[in-house]
Full PDB file with SEQRES, HELIX, SHEET, SSBOND, CRYST1, ORIGX, SCALE, CONECT and MASTER records, all heavy atoms in Angstrom:
SEQRES   1 A   44  LYS LEU ALA TYR THR THR ARG HIS VAL ALA GLU ASP ILE          
SEQRES   2 A   44  ALA THR SER GLY THR GLY TYR SER LEU VAL ALA GLY ASP          
SEQRES   3 A   44  GLY VAL VAL PRO ARG ALA GLY ASP VAL VAL LEU ALA ARG          
SEQRES   4 A   44  VAL THR ALA ILE GLY                                          
HELIX    1 AA1 TYR A    4  THR A    6  5                                   3    
HELIX    2 AA2 ARG A    7  THR A   15  1                                   9    
CRYST1    1.000    1.000    1.000  90.00  90.00  90.00 P 1           1          
ORIGX1      1.000000  0.000000  0.000000        0.00000                         
ORIGX2      0.000000  1.000000  0.000000        0.00000                         
ORIGX3      0.000000  0.000000  1.000000        0.00000                         
SCALE1      1.000000  0.000000  0.000000        0.00000                         
SCALE2      0.000000  1.000000  0.000000        0.00000                         
SCALE3      0.000000  0.000000  1.000000        0.00000                         
ATOM      1  N   LYS A   1       0.877  -1.185   0.026  1.00  0.00           N  
ATOM      2  CA  LYS A   1      -0.014   0.069  -0.025  1.00  0.00           C  
ATOM      3  C   LYS A   1       0.826   1.222  -0.041  1.00  0.00           C  
ATOM      4  O   LYS A   1       1.700   1.454   0.887  1.00  0.00           O  
ATOM      5  CB  LYS A   1      -0.910  -0.053   1.261  1.00  0.00           C  
ATOM      6  CG  LYS A   1      -2.004  -1.180   1.112  1.00  0.00           C  
ATOM      7  CD  LYS A   1      -2.761  -1.237   2.443  1.00  0.00           C  
ATOM      8  CE  LYS A   1      -3.962  -2.345   2.161  1.00  0.00           C  
ATOM      9  NZ  LYS A   1      -4.617  -2.550   3.438  1.00  0.00           N  
ATOM     10  N   LEU A   2       0.729   1.989  -1.026  1.00  0.00           N  
ATOM     11  CA  LEU A   2       1.658   3.246  -1.190  1.00  0.00           C  
ATOM     12  C   LEU A   2       0.941   4.418  -0.754  1.00  0.00           C  
ATOM     13  O   LEU A   2      -0.328   4.507  -0.770  1.00  0.00           O  
ATOM     14  CB  LEU A   2       2.089   3.360  -2.736  1.00  0.00           C  
ATOM     15  CG  LEU A   2       3.160   2.486  -3.268  1.00  0.00           C  
ATOM     16  CD1 LEU A   2       2.651   1.067  -3.504  1.00  0.00           C  
ATOM     17  CD2 LEU A   2       3.803   3.044  -4.327  1.00  0.00           C  
ATOM     18  N   ALA A   3       1.742   5.359  -0.136  1.00  0.00           N  
ATOM     19  CA  ALA A   3       1.196   6.601   0.502  1.00  0.00           C  
ATOM     20  C   ALA A   3       1.145   7.772  -0.443  1.00  0.00           C  
ATOM     21  O   ALA A   3       1.887   7.855  -1.505  1.00  0.00           O  
ATOM     22  CB  ALA A   3       1.997   6.908   1.704  1.00  0.00           C  
ATOM     23  N   TYR A   4       0.267   8.762  -0.107  1.00  0.00           N  
ATOM     24  CA  TYR A   4       0.231   9.978  -0.752  1.00  0.00           C  
ATOM     25  C   TYR A   4       1.624  10.630  -0.947  1.00  0.00           C  
ATOM     26  O   TYR A   4       1.975  11.162  -1.977  1.00  0.00           O  
ATOM     27  CB  TYR A   4      -0.739  10.948  -0.073  1.00  0.00           C  
ATOM     28  CG  TYR A   4      -0.850  12.344  -0.797  1.00  0.00           C  
ATOM     29  CD1 TYR A   4      -1.661  12.562  -1.880  1.00  0.00           C  
ATOM     30  CD2 TYR A   4      -0.151  13.392  -0.247  1.00  0.00           C  
ATOM     31  CE1 TYR A   4      -1.680  13.771  -2.496  1.00  0.00           C  
ATOM     32  CE2 TYR A   4      -0.125  14.710  -0.761  1.00  0.00           C  
ATOM     33  CZ  TYR A   4      -0.917  14.814  -2.002  1.00  0.00           C  
ATOM     34  OH  TYR A   4      -0.988  16.105  -2.511  1.00  0.00           O  
ATOM     35  N   THR A   5       2.430  10.714   0.143  1.00  0.00           N  
ATOM     36  CA  THR A   5       3.805  11.363   0.034  1.00  0.00           C  
ATOM     37  C   THR A   5       4.586  10.713  -0.920  1.00  0.00           C  
ATOM     38  O   THR A   5       5.467  11.438  -1.503  1.00  0.00           O  
ATOM     39  CB  THR A   5       4.530  11.306   1.448  1.00  0.00           C  
ATOM     40  OG1 THR A   5       4.497   9.809   1.815  1.00  0.00           O  
ATOM     41  CG2 THR A   5       3.799  11.985   2.513  1.00  0.00           C  
ATOM     42  N   THR A   6       4.447   9.454  -1.224  1.00  0.00           N  
ATOM     43  CA  THR A   6       5.336   8.797  -2.283  1.00  0.00           C  
ATOM     44  C   THR A   6       4.662   8.629  -3.637  1.00  0.00           C  
ATOM     45  O   THR A   6       5.058   7.892  -4.468  1.00  0.00           O  
ATOM     46  CB  THR A   6       5.598   7.343  -1.685  1.00  0.00           C  
ATOM     47  OG1 THR A   6       4.383   6.568  -1.749  1.00  0.00           O  
ATOM     48  CG2 THR A   6       6.281   7.352  -0.384  1.00  0.00           C  
ATOM     49  N   ARG A   7       3.725   9.572  -3.982  1.00  0.00           N  
ATOM     50  CA  ARG A   7       2.940   9.386  -5.200  1.00  0.00           C  
ATOM     51  C   ARG A   7       3.707   9.506  -6.480  1.00  0.00           C  
ATOM     52  O   ARG A   7       3.435   8.926  -7.476  1.00  0.00           O  
ATOM     53  CB  ARG A   7       1.736  10.366  -5.236  1.00  0.00           C  
ATOM     54  CG  ARG A   7       2.101  11.819  -5.278  1.00  0.00           C  
ATOM     55  CD  ARG A   7       0.889  12.718  -5.054  1.00  0.00           C  
ATOM     56  NE  ARG A   7       1.123  14.076  -5.236  1.00  0.00           N  
ATOM     57  CZ  ARG A   7       1.732  14.894  -4.371  1.00  0.00           C  
ATOM     58  NH1 ARG A   7       2.102  14.329  -3.295  1.00  0.00           N  
ATOM     59  NH2 ARG A   7       1.906  16.108  -4.500  1.00  0.00           N  
ATOM     60  N   HIS A   8       4.788  10.345  -6.455  1.00  0.00           N  
ATOM     61  CA  HIS A   8       5.599  10.543  -7.586  1.00  0.00           C  
ATOM     62  C   HIS A   8       6.470   9.217  -7.750  1.00  0.00           C  
ATOM     63  O   HIS A   8       6.761   8.802  -8.992  1.00  0.00           O  
ATOM     64  CB  HIS A   8       6.539  11.723  -7.575  1.00  0.00           C  
ATOM     65  CG  HIS A   8       5.756  12.954  -7.407  1.00  0.00           C  
ATOM     66  ND1 HIS A   8       4.667  13.401  -8.342  1.00  0.00           N  
ATOM     67  CD2 HIS A   8       5.705  13.948  -6.418  1.00  0.00           C  
ATOM     68  CE1 HIS A   8       4.142  14.543  -8.050  1.00  0.00           C  
ATOM     69  NE2 HIS A   8       4.740  14.874  -6.857  1.00  0.00           N  
ATOM     70  N   VAL A   9       6.856   8.549  -6.828  1.00  0.00           N  
ATOM     71  CA  VAL A   9       7.519   7.176  -6.870  1.00  0.00           C  
ATOM     72  C   VAL A   9       6.513   6.148  -7.335  1.00  0.00           C  
ATOM     73  O   VAL A   9       6.769   5.312  -8.084  1.00  0.00           O  
ATOM     74  CB  VAL A   9       8.163   6.775  -5.506  1.00  0.00           C  
ATOM     75  CG1 VAL A   9       8.849   5.544  -5.618  1.00  0.00           C  
ATOM     76  CG2 VAL A   9       9.031   7.886  -5.001  1.00  0.00           C  
ATOM     77  N   ALA A  10       5.298   6.219  -6.876  1.00  0.00           N  
ATOM     78  CA  ALA A  10       4.226   5.337  -7.093  1.00  0.00           C  
ATOM     79  C   ALA A  10       3.987   5.185  -8.603  1.00  0.00           C  
ATOM     80  O   ALA A  10       3.553   4.145  -9.039  1.00  0.00           O  
ATOM     81  CB  ALA A  10       2.901   5.673  -6.373  1.00  0.00           C  
ATOM     82  N   GLU A  11       4.160   6.370  -9.352  1.00  0.00           N  
ATOM     83  CA  GLU A  11       3.836   6.251 -10.765  1.00  0.00           C  
ATOM     84  C   GLU A  11       4.707   5.223 -11.491  1.00  0.00           C  
ATOM     85  O   GLU A  11       4.147   4.419 -12.329  1.00  0.00           O  
ATOM     86  CB  GLU A  11       4.129   7.585 -11.467  1.00  0.00           C  
ATOM     87  CG  GLU A  11       3.164   8.722 -10.820  1.00  0.00           C  
ATOM     88  CD  GLU A  11       3.493  10.039 -11.381  1.00  0.00           C  
ATOM     89  OE1 GLU A  11       4.471  10.263 -12.116  1.00  0.00           O  
ATOM     90  OE2 GLU A  11       2.850  11.122 -10.944  1.00  0.00           O  
ATOM     91  N   ASP A  12       5.940   5.108 -11.220  1.00  0.00           N  
ATOM     92  CA  ASP A  12       6.856   4.168 -11.767  1.00  0.00           C  
ATOM     93  C   ASP A  12       6.522   2.745 -11.179  1.00  0.00           C  
ATOM     94  O   ASP A  12       6.624   1.774 -12.002  1.00  0.00           O  
ATOM     95  CB  ASP A  12       8.336   4.416 -11.435  1.00  0.00           C  
ATOM     96  CG  ASP A  12       9.254   3.493 -12.118  1.00  0.00           C  
ATOM     97  OD1 ASP A  12       9.324   3.275 -13.381  1.00  0.00           O  
ATOM     98  OD2 ASP A  12       9.942   2.650 -11.323  1.00  0.00           O  
ATOM     99  N   ILE A  13       6.360   2.562  -9.892  1.00  0.00           N  
ATOM    100  CA  ILE A  13       5.980   1.264  -9.373  1.00  0.00           C  
ATOM    101  C   ILE A  13       4.807   0.696  -9.925  1.00  0.00           C  
ATOM    102  O   ILE A  13       4.704  -0.409 -10.225  1.00  0.00           O  
ATOM    103  CB  ILE A  13       5.836   1.347  -7.836  1.00  0.00           C  
ATOM    104  CG1 ILE A  13       7.187   1.803  -7.163  1.00  0.00           C  
ATOM    105  CG2 ILE A  13       5.290   0.196  -7.153  1.00  0.00           C  
ATOM    106  CD1 ILE A  13       7.145   2.046  -5.722  1.00  0.00           C  
ATOM    107  N   ALA A  14       3.721   1.558 -10.185  1.00  0.00           N  
ATOM    108  CA  ALA A  14       2.493   0.994 -10.778  1.00  0.00           C  
ATOM    109  C   ALA A  14       2.630   0.460 -12.201  1.00  0.00           C  
ATOM    110  O   ALA A  14       1.916  -0.449 -12.594  1.00  0.00           O  
ATOM    111  CB  ALA A  14       1.450   2.139 -10.872  1.00  0.00           C  
ATOM    112  N   THR A  15       3.522   1.071 -12.946  1.00  0.00           N  
ATOM    113  CA  THR A  15       3.786   0.737 -14.449  1.00  0.00           C  
ATOM    114  C   THR A  15       4.816  -0.376 -14.455  1.00  0.00           C  
ATOM    115  O   THR A  15       4.742  -1.111 -15.393  1.00  0.00           O  
ATOM    116  CB  THR A  15       4.140   1.835 -15.258  1.00  0.00           C  
ATOM    117  OG1 THR A  15       5.370   2.466 -14.682  1.00  0.00           O  
ATOM    118  CG2 THR A  15       3.073   2.990 -15.248  1.00  0.00           C  
ATOM    119  N   SER A  16       5.808  -0.520 -13.621  1.00  0.00           N  
ATOM    120  CA  SER A  16       6.844  -1.430 -13.717  1.00  0.00           C  
ATOM    121  C   SER A  16       7.149  -2.071 -12.435  1.00  0.00           C  
ATOM    122  O   SER A  16       6.912  -3.251 -12.117  1.00  0.00           O  
ATOM    123  CB  SER A  16       8.094  -0.788 -14.374  1.00  0.00           C  
ATOM    124  OG  SER A  16       9.180  -1.581 -14.385  1.00  0.00           O  
ATOM    125  N   GLY A  17       7.807  -1.306 -11.519  1.00  0.00           N  
ATOM    126  CA  GLY A  17       8.286  -1.842 -10.278  1.00  0.00           C  
ATOM    127  C   GLY A  17       9.571  -2.653 -10.325  1.00  0.00           C  
ATOM    128  O   GLY A  17       9.875  -3.255  -9.288  1.00  0.00           O  
ATOM    129  N   THR A  18      10.108  -2.721 -11.475  1.00  0.00           N  
ATOM    130  CA  THR A  18      11.403  -3.395 -11.562  1.00  0.00           C  
ATOM    131  C   THR A  18      12.678  -2.580 -11.220  1.00  0.00           C  
ATOM    132  O   THR A  18      12.510  -1.345 -11.338  1.00  0.00           O  
ATOM    133  CB  THR A  18      11.560  -4.043 -12.970  1.00  0.00           C  
ATOM    134  OG1 THR A  18      11.658  -2.896 -13.885  1.00  0.00           O  
ATOM    135  CG2 THR A  18      10.390  -4.864 -13.322  1.00  0.00           C  
ATOM    136  N   GLY A  19      13.670  -3.278 -10.858  1.00  0.00           N  
ATOM    137  CA  GLY A  19      14.858  -2.603 -10.625  1.00  0.00           C  
ATOM    138  C   GLY A  19      15.070  -1.959  -9.206  1.00  0.00           C  
ATOM    139  O   GLY A  19      15.888  -1.221  -8.951  1.00  0.00           O  
ATOM    140  N   TYR A  20      14.217  -2.350  -8.250  1.00  0.00           N  
ATOM    141  CA  TYR A  20      14.243  -1.806  -6.955  1.00  0.00           C  
ATOM    142  C   TYR A  20      14.825  -2.872  -5.964  1.00  0.00           C  
ATOM    143  O   TYR A  20      14.724  -4.096  -6.230  1.00  0.00           O  
ATOM    144  CB  TYR A  20      12.876  -1.454  -6.371  1.00  0.00           C  
ATOM    145  CG  TYR A  20      12.235  -0.274  -7.153  1.00  0.00           C  
ATOM    146  CD1 TYR A  20      11.469  -0.369  -8.204  1.00  0.00           C  
ATOM    147  CD2 TYR A  20      12.726   1.116  -6.686  1.00  0.00           C  
ATOM    148  CE1 TYR A  20      10.910   0.774  -8.732  1.00  0.00           C  
ATOM    149  CE2 TYR A  20      12.184   2.162  -7.268  1.00  0.00           C  
ATOM    150  CZ  TYR A  20      11.233   1.977  -8.384  1.00  0.00           C  
ATOM    151  OH  TYR A  20      10.741   3.113  -8.926  1.00  0.00           O  
ATOM    152  N   SER A  21      15.550  -2.343  -4.936  1.00  0.00           N  
ATOM    153  CA  SER A  21      16.079  -3.206  -3.927  1.00  0.00           C  
ATOM    154  C   SER A  21      15.843  -2.641  -2.574  1.00  0.00           C  
ATOM    155  O   SER A  21      15.377  -1.456  -2.524  1.00  0.00           O  
ATOM    156  CB  SER A  21      17.546  -3.372  -4.108  1.00  0.00           C  
ATOM    157  OG  SER A  21      18.193  -2.061  -4.125  1.00  0.00           O  
ATOM    158  N   LEU A  22      16.105  -3.321  -1.510  1.00  0.00           N  
ATOM    159  CA  LEU A  22      15.852  -2.960  -0.182  1.00  0.00           C  
ATOM    160  C   LEU A  22      17.244  -2.830   0.501  1.00  0.00           C  
ATOM    161  O   LEU A  22      17.980  -3.758   0.471  1.00  0.00           O  
ATOM    162  CB  LEU A  22      14.978  -3.863   0.699  1.00  0.00           C  
ATOM    163  CG  LEU A  22      13.422  -3.776   0.484  1.00  0.00           C  
ATOM    164  CD1 LEU A  22      12.841  -4.900   1.430  1.00  0.00           C  
ATOM    165  CD2 LEU A  22      12.968  -2.419   0.761  1.00  0.00           C  
ATOM    166  N   VAL A  23      17.491  -1.664   1.092  1.00  0.00           N  
ATOM    167  CA  VAL A  23      18.751  -1.459   1.810  1.00  0.00           C  
ATOM    168  C   VAL A  23      18.404  -1.448   3.383  1.00  0.00           C  
ATOM    169  O   VAL A  23      17.680  -0.631   3.780  1.00  0.00           O  
ATOM    170  CB  VAL A  23      19.450  -0.186   1.364  1.00  0.00           C  
ATOM    171  CG1 VAL A  23      20.829  -0.011   2.201  1.00  0.00           C  
ATOM    172  CG2 VAL A  23      19.676  -0.163   0.003  1.00  0.00           C  
ATOM    173  N   ALA A  24      19.076  -2.372   3.977  1.00  0.00           N  
ATOM    174  CA  ALA A  24      18.846  -2.423   5.505  1.00  0.00           C  
ATOM    175  C   ALA A  24      20.182  -2.688   6.190  1.00  0.00           C  
ATOM    176  O   ALA A  24      21.138  -2.875   5.641  1.00  0.00           O  
ATOM    177  CB  ALA A  24      17.818  -3.559   5.800  1.00  0.00           C  
ATOM    178  N   GLY A  25      19.935  -2.822   7.609  1.00  0.00           N  
ATOM    179  CA  GLY A  25      21.165  -3.024   8.329  1.00  0.00           C  
ATOM    180  C   GLY A  25      21.373  -2.024   9.492  1.00  0.00           C  
ATOM    181  O   GLY A  25      20.918  -0.845   9.410  1.00  0.00           O  
ATOM    182  N   ASP A  26      22.243  -2.289  10.456  1.00  0.00           N  
ATOM    183  CA  ASP A  26      22.526  -1.516  11.484  1.00  0.00           C  
ATOM    184  C   ASP A  26      23.205  -0.076  11.154  1.00  0.00           C  
ATOM    185  O   ASP A  26      23.004   0.899  11.836  1.00  0.00           O  
ATOM    186  CB  ASP A  26      23.399  -2.143  12.577  1.00  0.00           C  
ATOM    187  CG  ASP A  26      22.681  -3.339  13.214  1.00  0.00           C  
ATOM    188  OD1 ASP A  26      21.468  -3.300  13.298  1.00  0.00           O  
ATOM    189  OD2 ASP A  26      23.380  -4.263  13.813  1.00  0.00           O  
ATOM    190  N   GLY A  27      23.881  -0.186  10.036  1.00  0.00           N  
ATOM    191  CA  GLY A  27      24.583   1.001   9.693  1.00  0.00           C  
ATOM    192  C   GLY A  27      23.796   1.987   8.726  1.00  0.00           C  
ATOM    193  O   GLY A  27      24.287   2.992   8.346  1.00  0.00           O  
ATOM    194  N   VAL A  28      22.470   1.689   8.574  1.00  0.00           N  
ATOM    195  CA  VAL A  28      21.714   2.571   7.685  1.00  0.00           C  
ATOM    196  C   VAL A  28      20.989   3.565   8.542  1.00  0.00           C  
ATOM    197  O   VAL A  28      20.247   3.220   9.437  1.00  0.00           O  
ATOM    198  CB  VAL A  28      20.631   1.649   6.946  1.00  0.00           C  
ATOM    199  CG1 VAL A  28      19.750   2.614   6.072  1.00  0.00           C  
ATOM    200  CG2 VAL A  28      21.316   0.632   6.070  1.00  0.00           C  
ATOM    201  N   VAL A  29      21.212   4.828   8.139  1.00  0.00           N  
ATOM    202  CA  VAL A  29      20.555   5.981   8.901  1.00  0.00           C  
ATOM    203  C   VAL A  29      19.579   6.637   7.978  1.00  0.00           C  
ATOM    204  O   VAL A  29      19.998   7.275   7.056  1.00  0.00           O  
ATOM    205  CB  VAL A  29      21.612   6.877   9.455  1.00  0.00           C  
ATOM    206  CG1 VAL A  29      20.926   8.091  10.249  1.00  0.00           C  
ATOM    207  CG2 VAL A  29      22.673   6.204  10.415  1.00  0.00           C  
ATOM    208  N   PRO A  30      18.203   6.631   8.317  1.00  0.00           N  
ATOM    209  CA  PRO A  30      17.322   7.252   7.383  1.00  0.00           C  
ATOM    210  C   PRO A  30      17.389   8.760   7.453  1.00  0.00           C  
ATOM    211  O   PRO A  30      17.807   9.276   8.611  1.00  0.00           O  
ATOM    212  CB  PRO A  30      15.914   6.798   7.867  1.00  0.00           C  
ATOM    213  CG  PRO A  30      16.319   6.391   9.321  1.00  0.00           C  
ATOM    214  CD  PRO A  30      17.671   5.868   9.432  1.00  0.00           C  
ATOM    215  N   ARG A  31      17.096   9.417   6.380  1.00  0.00           N  
ATOM    216  CA  ARG A  31      16.892  10.821   6.396  1.00  0.00           C  
ATOM    217  C   ARG A  31      15.479  11.253   6.024  1.00  0.00           C  
ATOM    218  O   ARG A  31      14.818  10.483   5.278  1.00  0.00           O  
ATOM    219  CB  ARG A  31      17.928  11.535   5.419  1.00  0.00           C  
ATOM    220  CG  ARG A  31      19.364  11.173   5.906  1.00  0.00           C  
ATOM    221  CD  ARG A  31      20.445  11.788   4.922  1.00  0.00           C  
ATOM    222  NE  ARG A  31      20.160  11.127   3.605  1.00  0.00           N  
ATOM    223  CZ  ARG A  31      20.746  11.441   2.484  1.00  0.00           C  
ATOM    224  NH1 ARG A  31      21.721  12.457   2.521  1.00  0.00           N  
ATOM    225  NH2 ARG A  31      20.520  10.854   1.257  1.00  0.00           N  
ATOM    226  N   ALA A  32      15.080  12.490   6.295  1.00  0.00           N  
ATOM    227  CA  ALA A  32      13.806  12.944   5.856  1.00  0.00           C  
ATOM    228  C   ALA A  32      13.752  12.919   4.305  1.00  0.00           C  
ATOM    229  O   ALA A  32      14.654  13.250   3.596  1.00  0.00           O  
ATOM    230  CB  ALA A  32      13.553  14.371   6.368  1.00  0.00           C  
ATOM    231  N   GLY A  33      12.642  12.318   3.882  1.00  0.00           N  
ATOM    232  CA  GLY A  33      12.430  12.166   2.413  1.00  0.00           C  
ATOM    233  C   GLY A  33      12.781  10.731   1.837  1.00  0.00           C  
ATOM    234  O   GLY A  33      12.506  10.500   0.750  1.00  0.00           O  
ATOM    235  N   ASP A  34      13.547  10.008   2.623  1.00  0.00           N  
ATOM    236  CA  ASP A  34      13.898   8.685   2.123  1.00  0.00           C  
ATOM    237  C   ASP A  34      12.633   7.708   2.082  1.00  0.00           C  
ATOM    238  O   ASP A  34      11.779   7.871   3.048  1.00  0.00           O  
ATOM    239  CB  ASP A  34      14.917   7.960   3.162  1.00  0.00           C  
ATOM    240  CG  ASP A  34      16.319   8.436   3.039  1.00  0.00           C  
ATOM    241  OD1 ASP A  34      16.466   9.170   2.007  1.00  0.00           O  
ATOM    242  OD2 ASP A  34      17.045   8.162   3.850  1.00  0.00           O  
ATOM    243  N   VAL A  35      12.467   6.918   1.087  1.00  0.00           N  
ATOM    244  CA  VAL A  35      11.276   6.152   0.921  1.00  0.00           C  
ATOM    245  C   VAL A  35      11.505   4.823   1.600  1.00  0.00           C  
ATOM    246  O   VAL A  35      12.666   4.160   1.352  1.00  0.00           O  
ATOM    247  CB  VAL A  35      10.940   5.989  -0.494  1.00  0.00           C  
ATOM    248  CG1 VAL A  35       9.729   5.031  -0.729  1.00  0.00           C  
ATOM    249  CG2 VAL A  35      10.682   7.320  -1.109  1.00  0.00           C  
ATOM    250  N   VAL A  36      10.630   4.334   2.293  1.00  0.00           N  
ATOM    251  CA  VAL A  36      10.838   2.994   3.123  1.00  0.00           C  
ATOM    252  C   VAL A  36       9.704   2.008   2.861  1.00  0.00           C  
ATOM    253  O   VAL A  36       8.514   2.426   2.825  1.00  0.00           O  
ATOM    254  CB  VAL A  36      11.139   3.341   4.562  1.00  0.00           C  
ATOM    255  CG1 VAL A  36       9.869   4.058   5.244  1.00  0.00           C  
ATOM    256  CG2 VAL A  36      11.480   2.137   5.441  1.00  0.00           C  
ATOM    257  N   LEU A  37      10.134   0.789   2.755  1.00  0.00           N  
ATOM    258  CA  LEU A  37       9.059  -0.321   2.792  1.00  0.00           C  
ATOM    259  C   LEU A  37       8.925  -0.730   4.246  1.00  0.00           C  
ATOM    260  O   LEU A  37      10.018  -1.088   4.797  1.00  0.00           O  
ATOM    261  CB  LEU A  37       9.441  -1.501   1.879  1.00  0.00           C  
ATOM    262  CG  LEU A  37       8.487  -2.697   1.916  1.00  0.00           C  
ATOM    263  CD1 LEU A  37       7.234  -2.267   1.249  1.00  0.00           C  
ATOM    264  CD2 LEU A  37       9.116  -3.869   1.195  1.00  0.00           C  
ATOM    265  N   ALA A  38       7.769  -0.726   4.864  1.00  0.00           N  
ATOM    266  CA  ALA A  38       7.601  -1.105   6.198  1.00  0.00           C  
ATOM    267  C   ALA A  38       6.274  -2.006   6.374  1.00  0.00           C  
ATOM    268  O   ALA A  38       5.477  -2.041   5.463  1.00  0.00           O  
ATOM    269  CB  ALA A  38       7.373   0.179   7.087  1.00  0.00           C  
ATOM    270  N   ARG A  39       6.375  -2.703   7.614  1.00  0.00           N  
ATOM    271  CA  ARG A  39       5.255  -3.630   7.828  1.00  0.00           C  
ATOM    272  C   ARG A  39       4.453  -3.080   9.027  1.00  0.00           C  
ATOM    273  O   ARG A  39       5.107  -2.517   9.931  1.00  0.00           O  
ATOM    274  CB  ARG A  39       5.735  -5.015   8.130  1.00  0.00           C  
ATOM    275  CG  ARG A  39       4.683  -6.019   8.602  1.00  0.00           C  
ATOM    276  CD  ARG A  39       5.144  -7.353   8.910  1.00  0.00           C  
ATOM    277  NE  ARG A  39       5.797  -8.025   7.742  1.00  0.00           N  
ATOM    278  CZ  ARG A  39       7.172  -8.288   7.671  1.00  0.00           C  
ATOM    279  NH1 ARG A  39       7.944  -7.959   8.694  1.00  0.00           N  
ATOM    280  NH2 ARG A  39       7.595  -8.816   6.581  1.00  0.00           N  
ATOM    281  N   VAL A  40       3.106  -3.021   8.892  1.00  0.00           N  
ATOM    282  CA  VAL A  40       2.247  -2.562   9.961  1.00  0.00           C  
ATOM    283  C   VAL A  40       2.273  -3.646  11.110  1.00  0.00           C  
ATOM    284  O   VAL A  40       1.969  -4.722  10.804  1.00  0.00           O  
ATOM    285  CB  VAL A  40       0.923  -2.164   9.507  1.00  0.00           C  
ATOM    286  CG1 VAL A  40      -0.029  -1.837  10.612  1.00  0.00           C  
ATOM    287  CG2 VAL A  40       0.933  -1.135   8.424  1.00  0.00           C  
ATOM    288  N   THR A  41       2.589  -3.265  12.314  1.00  0.00           N  
ATOM    289  CA  THR A  41       2.664  -4.205  13.485  1.00  0.00           C  
ATOM    290  C   THR A  41       1.511  -4.037  14.334  1.00  0.00           C  
ATOM    291  O   THR A  41       1.107  -4.996  15.018  1.00  0.00           O  
ATOM    292  CB  THR A  41       4.054  -4.077  14.303  1.00  0.00           C  
ATOM    293  OG1 THR A  41       4.256  -2.726  14.611  1.00  0.00           O  
ATOM    294  CG2 THR A  41       5.061  -4.536  13.273  1.00  0.00           C  
ATOM    295  N   ALA A  42       0.955  -2.807  14.584  1.00  0.00           N  
ATOM    296  CA  ALA A  42      -0.099  -2.575  15.471  1.00  0.00           C  
ATOM    297  C   ALA A  42      -0.947  -1.245  15.006  1.00  0.00           C  
ATOM    298  O   ALA A  42      -0.295  -0.263  14.790  1.00  0.00           O  
ATOM    299  CB  ALA A  42       0.349  -2.330  16.989  1.00  0.00           C  
ATOM    300  N   ILE A  43      -2.286  -1.402  14.965  1.00  0.00           N  
ATOM    301  CA  ILE A  43      -3.043  -0.263  14.487  1.00  0.00           C  
ATOM    302  C   ILE A  43      -3.310   0.663  15.690  1.00  0.00           C  
ATOM    303  O   ILE A  43      -3.728   0.278  16.774  1.00  0.00           O  
ATOM    304  CB  ILE A  43      -4.459  -0.819  14.006  1.00  0.00           C  
ATOM    305  CG1 ILE A  43      -4.188  -1.804  12.876  1.00  0.00           C  
ATOM    306  CG2 ILE A  43      -5.283   0.400  13.501  1.00  0.00           C  
ATOM    307  CD1 ILE A  43      -3.356  -1.129  11.644  1.00  0.00           C  
ATOM    308  N   GLY A  44      -3.114   1.954  15.397  1.00  0.00           N  
ATOM    309  CA  GLY A  44      -3.358   2.945  16.417  1.00  0.00           C  
ATOM    310  C   GLY A  44      -4.244   4.123  15.885  1.00  0.00           C  
ATOM    311  O   GLY A  44      -5.304   3.913  15.252  1.00  0.00           O  
TER     312      GLY A  44                                                      
MASTER        0    0    0    2    0    0    0    6  311    1    0    4          
END                                                                             
């Protein structure tokens, strides 16, 4: 489920979605504006 904030990224994902990868690990520090794939764990 893609969000409104990511709608310009979503245009490419909807038509293709190829060529993407996930970067993770203890050394990864997110910054404002980074796009992230996440799992919902609890509804609030």
